[in-house]
């Protein structure tokens, strides 16, 4: 049981999860990364959904993976894939216009970000475990970035407790700007945001799409502001 004020809440009914939102400031592809000569980069569509499902090794059931990936393909502007000897081994999706940050595969624990025309959000990516630590991710990221016009701004997110991925993103030129928290008790959930590295949270009023607003002080989610160009 988890004590919350004067109430006791069963742990299975309590959900809290932090996600860090990062911005790519300057792409740094290390010169030492493995050659991509053996890999084939291309774009995907719904016709390879089952390959994406098979590639994605997560605790979620096959049906949940299929449903979530089908939704991501329907929403994204492009899905960049990597094949090795014909086998799909990695992918990442790029979203324009809006991005759906979901904590439960597009269920109620979901926030929609409104993006301006120069903002691209990278998400729903995966690399097969046996292909990690081989220098593949930097090349996958570069291939995706080079598809978009100069001046485009790239964002991404990762679980706040994923230290390895966090360090990898920092080495590639990402800077953490914002932490978004989802707090769920039973079927009810609330969202909070705070500048990365700080403690003070403010509540996010969820509903319509939230604008991803860049300011001199950092990044925030809100409404009624024109996103920075």
C-alpha atoms as a PDB file:
ATOM      1  CA  UNK A   1       0.000   0.000   0.000  1.00  0.00           C
ATOM      2  CA  UNK A   2       1.059   3.589  -0.641  1.00  0.00           C
ATOM      3  CA  UNK A   3       0.163   6.333   1.826  1.00  0.00           C
ATOM      4  CA  UNK A   4      -1.203   9.444   0.113  1.00  0.00           C
ATOM      5  CA  UNK A   5      -2.243  12.081   2.629  1.00  0.00           C
ATOM      6  CA  UNK A   6      -4.634  10.310   4.992  1.00  0.00           C
ATOM      7  CA  UNK A   7      -5.553   7.635   2.430  1.00  0.00           C
ATOM      8  CA  UNK A   8      -3.977   4.329   1.572  1.00  0.00           C
ATOM      9  CA  UNK A   9      -3.769   3.623  -2.141  1.00  0.00           C
ATOM     10  CA  UNK A  10      -2.943   0.119  -3.466  1.00  0.00           C
ATOM     11  CA  UNK A  11       0.237   0.253  -5.547  1.00  0.00           C
ATOM     12  CA  UNK A  12      -1.474  -1.319  -8.534  1.00  0.00           C
ATOM     13  CA  UNK A  13      -3.790   1.719  -8.665  1.00  0.00           C
ATOM     14  CA  UNK A  14      -0.972   4.257  -8.417  1.00  0.00           C
ATOM     15  CA  UNK A  15       1.029   5.371 -11.458  1.00  0.00           C
ATOM     16  CA  UNK A  16       3.770   7.986 -11.622  1.00  0.00           C
ATOM     17  CA  UNK A  17       6.220   8.390 -14.464  1.00  0.00           C
ATOM     18  CA  UNK A  18       8.647  11.114 -15.564  1.00  0.00           C
ATOM     19  CA  UNK A  19       9.616  11.805 -19.174  1.00  0.00           C
ATOM     20  CA  UNK A  20      12.385  14.208 -20.200  1.00  0.00           C
ATOM     21  CA  UNK A  21      11.902  16.311 -23.349  1.00  0.00           C
ATOM     22  CA  UNK A  22      15.120  17.144 -25.186  1.00  0.00           C
ATOM     23  CA  UNK A  23      16.121  19.377 -28.087  1.00  0.00           C
ATOM     24  CA  UNK A  24      18.810  18.596 -30.638  1.00  0.00           C
ATOM     25  CA  UNK A  25      21.099  21.620 -30.533  1.00  0.00           C
ATOM     26  CA  UNK A  26      23.888  20.344 -32.767  1.00  0.00           C
ATOM     27  CA  UNK A  27      24.118  16.840 -34.206  1.00  0.00           C
ATOM     28  CA  UNK A  28      27.437  15.235 -33.288  1.00  0.00           C
ATOM     29  CA  UNK A  29      28.026  11.948 -35.072  1.00  0.00           C
ATOM     30  CA  UNK A  30      31.207  10.421 -33.603  1.00  0.00           C
ATOM     31  CA  UNK A  31      33.853   9.595 -36.216  1.00  0.00           C
ATOM     32  CA  UNK A  32      34.417   6.237 -34.536  1.00  0.00           C
ATOM     33  CA  UNK A  33      30.939   4.827 -35.127  1.00  0.00           C
ATOM     34  CA  UNK A  34      30.635   1.653 -37.149  1.00  0.00           C
ATOM     35  CA  UNK A  35      30.374   1.826 -40.934  1.00  0.00           C
ATOM     36  CA  UNK A  36      26.815   1.730 -42.269  1.00  0.00           C
ATOM     37  CA  UNK A  37      27.840   0.002 -45.479  1.00  0.00           C
ATOM     38  CA  UNK A  38      26.110  -3.207 -44.371  1.00  0.00           C
ATOM     39  CA  UNK A  39      22.886  -1.388 -43.481  1.00  0.00           C
ATOM     40  CA  UNK A  40      20.035  -0.255 -45.691  1.00  0.00           C
ATOM     41  CA  UNK A  41      18.118   2.901 -44.729  1.00  0.00           C
ATOM     42  CA  UNK A  42      14.632   3.517 -46.103  1.00  0.00           C
ATOM     43  CA  UNK A  43      11.191   4.831 -45.201  1.00  0.00           C
ATOM     44  CA  UNK A  44       8.324   2.677 -43.999  1.00  0.00           C
ATOM     45  CA  UNK A  45       4.565   2.627 -44.349  1.00  0.00           C
ATOM     46  CA  UNK A  46       1.744   0.516 -42.971  1.00  0.00           C
ATOM     47  CA  UNK A  47       2.647  -2.378 -45.287  1.00  0.00           C
ATOM     48  CA  UNK A  48       5.504  -3.407 -42.964  1.00  0.00           C
ATOM     49  CA  UNK A  49       3.526  -3.102 -39.741  1.00  0.00           C
ATOM     50  CA  UNK A  50       4.073  -6.750 -38.823  1.00  0.00           C
ATOM     51  CA  UNK A  51       7.839  -6.383 -39.288  1.00  0.00           C
ATOM     52  CA  UNK A  52       7.822  -3.388 -36.961  1.00  0.00           C
ATOM     53  CA  UNK A  53       5.837  -5.361 -34.394  1.00  0.00           C
ATOM     54  CA  UNK A  54       8.309  -8.258 -34.561  1.00  0.00           C
ATOM     55  CA  UNK A  55      11.287  -5.900 -34.303  1.00  0.00           C
ATOM     56  CA  UNK A  56       9.907  -4.216 -31.185  1.00  0.00           C
ATOM     57  CA  UNK A  57      10.798  -6.353 -28.186  1.00  0.00           C
ATOM     58  CA  UNK A  58       8.897  -4.780 -25.274  1.00  0.00           C
ATOM     59  CA  UNK A  59       6.882  -6.195 -22.351  1.00  0.00           C
ATOM     60  CA  UNK A  60       3.622  -5.199 -24.067  1.00  0.00           C
ATOM     61  CA  UNK A  61       1.615  -7.928 -25.745  1.00  0.00           C
ATOM     62  CA  UNK A  62       1.787  -8.432 -29.507  1.00  0.00           C
ATOM     63  CA  UNK A  63      -1.697  -6.967 -29.884  1.00  0.00           C
ATOM     64  CA  UNK A  64      -0.770  -3.863 -27.847  1.00  0.00           C
ATOM     65  CA  UNK A  65       2.405  -3.395 -29.858  1.00  0.00           C
ATOM     66  CA  UNK A  66       0.503  -3.741 -33.130  1.00  0.00           C
ATOM     67  CA  UNK A  67      -2.163  -1.258 -32.050  1.00  0.00           C
ATOM     68  CA  UNK A  68       0.370   1.300 -30.818  1.00  0.00           C
ATOM     69  CA  UNK A  69       2.601   1.052 -33.901  1.00  0.00           C
ATOM     70  CA  UNK A  70      -0.370   1.282 -36.258  1.00  0.00           C
ATOM     71  CA  UNK A  71      -1.397   4.482 -34.499  1.00  0.00           C
ATOM     72  CA  UNK A  72       2.152   5.864 -34.684  1.00  0.00           C
ATOM     73  CA  UNK A  73       2.396   5.137 -38.421  1.00  0.00           C
ATOM     74  CA  UNK A  74      -0.917   6.874 -38.993  1.00  0.00           C
ATOM     75  CA  UNK A  75       0.255   9.973 -37.125  1.00  0.00           C
ATOM     76  CA  UNK A  76       3.895  10.321 -38.165  1.00  0.00           C
ATOM     77  CA  UNK A  77       5.221  12.164 -41.221  1.00  0.00           C
ATOM     78  CA  UNK A  78       7.897   9.545 -41.876  1.00  0.00           C
ATOM     79  CA  UNK A  79       9.243   6.356 -40.354  1.00  0.00           C
ATOM     80  CA  UNK A  80      12.918   5.706 -41.052  1.00  0.00           C
ATOM     81  CA  UNK A  81      13.921   2.042 -40.969  1.00  0.00           C
ATOM     82  CA  UNK A  82      17.229   0.196 -40.956  1.00  0.00           C
ATOM     83  CA  UNK A  83      17.744  -3.288 -42.390  1.00  0.00           C
ATOM     84  CA  UNK A  84      20.695  -5.614 -42.043  1.00  0.00           C
ATOM     85  CA  UNK A  85      20.838  -8.451 -44.552  1.00  0.00           C
ATOM     86  CA  UNK A  86      17.179  -7.802 -45.304  1.00  0.00           C
ATOM     87  CA  UNK A  87      16.089  -7.977 -41.668  1.00  0.00           C
ATOM     88  CA  UNK A  88      14.456  -4.954 -40.027  1.00  0.00           C
ATOM     89  CA  UNK A  89      16.662  -4.077 -37.058  1.00  0.00           C
ATOM     90  CA  UNK A  90      15.812  -0.468 -36.112  1.00  0.00           C
ATOM     91  CA  UNK A  91      13.441   2.388 -36.793  1.00  0.00           C
ATOM     92  CA  UNK A  92      12.455   5.875 -35.646  1.00  0.00           C
ATOM     93  CA  UNK A  93       9.424   8.033 -36.497  1.00  0.00           C
ATOM     94  CA  UNK A  94       9.366  11.762 -37.216  1.00  0.00           C
ATOM     95  CA  UNK A  95       6.233  13.778 -36.457  1.00  0.00           C
ATOM     96  CA  UNK A  96       5.270  17.207 -37.806  1.00  0.00           C
ATOM     97  CA  UNK A  97       2.303  19.368 -36.821  1.00  0.00           C
ATOM     98  CA  UNK A  98       1.688  17.474 -33.623  1.00  0.00           C
ATOM     99  CA  UNK A  99       3.123  14.768 -31.416  1.00  0.00           C
ATOM    100  CA  UNK A 100       1.217  12.514 -29.034  1.00  0.00           C
ATOM    101  CA  UNK A 101       3.146  11.751 -25.854  1.00  0.00           C
ATOM    102  CA  UNK A 102       1.547   8.625 -24.450  1.00  0.00           C
ATOM    103  CA  UNK A 103       2.235   6.800 -21.221  1.00  0.00           C
ATOM    104  CA  UNK A 104      -0.226   3.967 -21.965  1.00  0.00           C
ATOM    105  CA  UNK A 105      -0.246   3.322 -25.736  1.00  0.00           C
ATOM    106  CA  UNK A 106      -2.656   6.151 -26.616  1.00  0.00           C
ATOM    107  CA  UNK A 107      -5.027   5.617 -23.700  1.00  0.00           C
ATOM    108  CA  UNK A 108      -6.152   8.341 -21.255  1.00  0.00           C
ATOM    109  CA  UNK A 109      -2.572   8.969 -20.067  1.00  0.00           C
ATOM    110  CA  UNK A 110      -1.777  10.959 -23.183  1.00  0.00           C
ATOM    111  CA  UNK A 111      -0.734  14.516 -24.038  1.00  0.00           C
ATOM    112  CA  UNK A 112      -0.848  16.063 -27.515  1.00  0.00           C
ATOM    113  CA  UNK A 113       1.826  18.618 -28.430  1.00  0.00           C
ATOM    114  CA  UNK A 114       1.119  21.203 -31.126  1.00  0.00           C
ATOM    115  CA  UNK A 115       4.244  21.853 -33.223  1.00  0.00           C
ATOM    116  CA  UNK A 116       5.016  24.837 -35.437  1.00  0.00           C
ATOM    117  CA  UNK A 117       6.044  24.275 -39.049  1.00  0.00           C
ATOM    118  CA  UNK A 118       9.789  24.081 -38.286  1.00  0.00           C
ATOM    119  CA  UNK A 119       9.537  21.682 -35.355  1.00  0.00           C
ATOM    120  CA  UNK A 120       9.932  17.920 -35.774  1.00  0.00           C
ATOM    121  CA  UNK A 121       9.419  15.516 -32.921  1.00  0.00           C
ATOM    122  CA  UNK A 122      11.276  12.190 -33.000  1.00  0.00           C
ATOM    123  CA  UNK A 123       9.694   9.259 -31.220  1.00  0.00           C
ATOM    124  CA  UNK A 124       8.433   5.679 -31.282  1.00  0.00           C
ATOM    125  CA  UNK A 125      11.921   4.407 -32.055  1.00  0.00           C
ATOM    126  CA  UNK A 126      13.508   1.052 -31.346  1.00  0.00           C
ATOM    127  CA  UNK A 127      16.758  -0.836 -32.013  1.00  0.00           C
ATOM    128  CA  UNK A 128      16.967  -4.591 -31.612  1.00  0.00           C
ATOM    129  CA  UNK A 129      19.068  -5.375 -28.505  1.00  0.00           C
ATOM    130  CA  UNK A 130      21.748  -7.262 -30.471  1.00  0.00           C
ATOM    131  CA  UNK A 131      22.288  -4.203 -32.692  1.00  0.00           C
ATOM    132  CA  UNK A 132      22.788  -1.713 -29.896  1.00  0.00           C
ATOM    133  CA  UNK A 133      26.188  -0.248 -28.990  1.00  0.00           C
ATOM    134  CA  UNK A 134      27.308  -0.610 -32.618  1.00  0.00           C
ATOM    135  CA  UNK A 135      27.062   3.035 -33.641  1.00  0.00           C
ATOM    136  CA  UNK A 136      23.765   2.535 -35.456  1.00  0.00           C
ATOM    137  CA  UNK A 137      21.675   5.142 -33.635  1.00  0.00           C
ATOM    138  CA  UNK A 138      23.823   8.154 -34.671  1.00  0.00           C
ATOM    139  CA  UNK A 139      23.518   7.170 -38.325  1.00  0.00           C
ATOM    140  CA  UNK A 140      19.785   6.559 -37.982  1.00  0.00           C
ATOM    141  CA  UNK A 141      19.387   9.994 -36.419  1.00  0.00           C
ATOM    142  CA  UNK A 142      21.489  11.692 -39.101  1.00  0.00           C
ATOM    143  CA  UNK A 143      19.539   9.994 -41.872  1.00  0.00           C
ATOM    144  CA  UNK A 144      16.311  11.285 -40.358  1.00  0.00           C
ATOM    145  CA  UNK A 145      17.574  14.847 -39.760  1.00  0.00           C
ATOM    146  CA  UNK A 146      18.930  15.176 -43.297  1.00  0.00           C
ATOM    147  CA  UNK A 147      15.451  14.564 -44.738  1.00  0.00           C
ATOM    148  CA  UNK A 148      14.210  17.913 -43.425  1.00  0.00           C
ATOM    149  CA  UNK A 149      15.069  21.497 -44.474  1.00  0.00           C
ATOM    150  CA  UNK A 150      17.875  23.467 -42.888  1.00  0.00           C
ATOM    151  CA  UNK A 151      16.592  25.389 -39.886  1.00  0.00           C
ATOM    152  CA  UNK A 152      14.318  22.594 -38.707  1.00  0.00           C
ATOM    153  CA  UNK A 153      14.306  22.034 -34.951  1.00  0.00           C
ATOM    154  CA  UNK A 154      14.298  18.494 -33.603  1.00  0.00           C
ATOM    155  CA  UNK A 155      12.916  17.315 -30.292  1.00  0.00           C
ATOM    156  CA  UNK A 156      12.673  13.961 -28.600  1.00  0.00           C
ATOM    157  CA  UNK A 157      11.846  12.411 -25.273  1.00  0.00           C
ATOM    158  CA  UNK A 158      12.925   9.491 -23.121  1.00  0.00           C
ATOM    159  CA  UNK A 159      12.096   7.953 -19.775  1.00  0.00           C
ATOM    160  CA  UNK A 160      13.766   9.962 -17.029  1.00  0.00           C
ATOM    161  CA  UNK A 161      15.286   6.843 -15.471  1.00  0.00           C
ATOM    162  CA  UNK A 162      16.903   5.627 -18.716  1.00  0.00           C
ATOM    163  CA  UNK A 163      20.414   6.803 -17.871  1.00  0.00           C
ATOM    164  CA  UNK A 164      22.121   5.015 -20.747  1.00  0.00           C
ATOM    165  CA  UNK A 165      19.825   6.521 -23.394  1.00  0.00           C
ATOM    166  CA  UNK A 166      20.066   9.926 -21.726  1.00  0.00           C
ATOM    167  CA  UNK A 167      23.870   9.877 -21.924  1.00  0.00           C
ATOM    168  CA  UNK A 168      23.755   8.706 -25.540  1.00  0.00           C
ATOM    169  CA  UNK A 169      21.440  11.569 -26.483  1.00  0.00           C
ATOM    170  CA  UNK A 170      23.671  14.095 -24.726  1.00  0.00           C
ATOM    171  CA  UNK A 171      26.742  12.848 -26.613  1.00  0.00           C
ATOM    172  CA  UNK A 172      24.856  13.273 -29.893  1.00  0.00           C
ATOM    173  CA  UNK A 173      23.980  16.903 -29.153  1.00  0.00           C
ATOM    174  CA  UNK A 174      20.625  16.759 -27.363  1.00  0.00           C
ATOM    175  CA  UNK A 175      19.976  19.071 -24.427  1.00  0.00           C
ATOM    176  CA  UNK A 176      17.305  18.211 -21.814  1.00  0.00           C
ATOM    177  CA  UNK A 177      14.860  21.075 -21.317  1.00  0.00           C
ATOM    178  CA  UNK A 178      11.673  19.841 -19.690  1.00  0.00           C
ATOM    179  CA  UNK A 179      10.409  17.020 -17.468  1.00  0.00           C
ATOM    180  CA  UNK A 180       6.766  15.971 -17.858  1.00  0.00           C
ATOM    181  CA  UNK A 181       5.182  13.873 -15.111  1.00  0.00           C
ATOM    182  CA  UNK A 182       2.076  11.735 -15.365  1.00  0.00           C
ATOM    183  CA  UNK A 183       0.424  10.961 -12.040  1.00  0.00           C
ATOM    184  CA  UNK A 184      -2.409   8.453 -12.041  1.00  0.00           C
ATOM    185  CA  UNK A 185      -4.591   7.251  -9.191  1.00  0.00           C
ATOM    186  CA  UNK A 186      -7.061   4.663 -10.320  1.00  0.00           C
ATOM    187  CA  UNK A 187      -8.576   5.844 -13.584  1.00  0.00           C
ATOM    188  CA  UNK A 188      -7.879   9.519 -12.914  1.00  0.00           C
ATOM    189  CA  UNK A 189      -4.621  11.098 -14.063  1.00  0.00           C
ATOM    190  CA  UNK A 190      -2.956  14.496 -13.933  1.00  0.00           C
ATOM    191  CA  UNK A 191       0.073  15.936 -15.711  1.00  0.00           C
ATOM    192  CA  UNK A 192       2.798  18.239 -14.402  1.00  0.00           C
ATOM    193  CA  UNK A 193       5.824  19.959 -15.909  1.00  0.00           C
ATOM    194  CA  UNK A 194       9.040  21.423 -14.573  1.00  0.00           C
ATOM    195  CA  UNK A 195      12.218  22.761 -16.162  1.00  0.00           C
ATOM    196  CA  UNK A 196      14.775  19.989 -16.352  1.00  0.00           C
ATOM    197  CA  UNK A 197      16.878  19.734 -13.207  1.00  0.00           C
ATOM    198  CA  UNK A 198      14.460  21.682 -11.008  1.00  0.00           C
ATOM    199  CA  UNK A 199      11.937  20.496  -8.433  1.00  0.00           C
ATOM    200  CA  UNK A 200       9.028  22.901  -8.674  1.00  0.00           C
ATOM    201  CA  UNK A 201       6.222  21.456 -10.800  1.00  0.00           C
ATOM    202  CA  UNK A 202       3.260  23.217 -12.352  1.00  0.00           C
ATOM    203  CA  UNK A 203       0.112  21.442 -13.400  1.00  0.00           C
ATOM    204  CA  UNK A 204      -0.674  21.031 -17.094  1.00  0.00           C
ATOM    205  CA  UNK A 205      -4.279  21.623 -18.071  1.00  0.00           C
ATOM    206  CA  UNK A 206      -4.816  18.798 -20.519  1.00  0.00           C
ATOM    207  CA  UNK A 207      -7.456  18.770 -23.228  1.00  0.00           C
ATOM    208  CA  UNK A 208      -6.807  20.347 -26.607  1.00  0.00           C
ATOM    209  CA  UNK A 209      -3.336  20.235 -28.136  1.00  0.00           C
ATOM    210  CA  UNK A 210      -0.680  21.943 -26.029  1.00  0.00           C
ATOM    211  CA  UNK A 211       1.782  24.243 -27.705  1.00  0.00           C
ATOM    212  CA  UNK A 212       5.440  23.374 -27.296  1.00  0.00           C
ATOM    213  CA  UNK A 213       6.736  26.863 -26.523  1.00  0.00           C
ATOM    214  CA  UNK A 214      10.410  27.779 -26.632  1.00  0.00           C
ATOM    215  CA  UNK A 215      11.463  30.701 -24.465  1.00  0.00           C
ATOM    216  CA  UNK A 216      14.794  32.136 -23.358  1.00  0.00           C
ATOM    217  CA  UNK A 217      14.272  30.394 -20.032  1.00  0.00           C
ATOM    218  CA  UNK A 218      13.710  27.013 -21.690  1.00  0.00           C
ATOM    219  CA  UNK A 219      10.753  24.983 -22.892  1.00  0.00           C
ATOM    220  CA  UNK A 220       7.182  24.835 -21.658  1.00  0.00           C
ATOM    221  CA  UNK A 221       3.797  23.376 -22.546  1.00  0.00           C
ATOM    222  CA  UNK A 222       0.914  25.826 -22.642  1.00  0.00           C
ATOM    223  CA  UNK A 223      -1.752  27.595 -24.627  1.00  0.00           C
ATOM    224  CA  UNK A 224      -2.290  31.032 -26.022  1.00  0.00           C
ATOM    225  CA  UNK A 225       1.301  31.590 -27.102  1.00  0.00           C
ATOM    226  CA  UNK A 226       2.790  31.657 -30.558  1.00  0.00           C
ATOM    227  CA  UNK A 227       5.524  28.977 -30.727  1.00  0.00           C
ATOM    228  CA  UNK A 228       9.019  30.268 -31.361  1.00  0.00           C
ATOM    229  CA  UNK A 229      10.130  30.133 -34.993  1.00  0.00           C
END
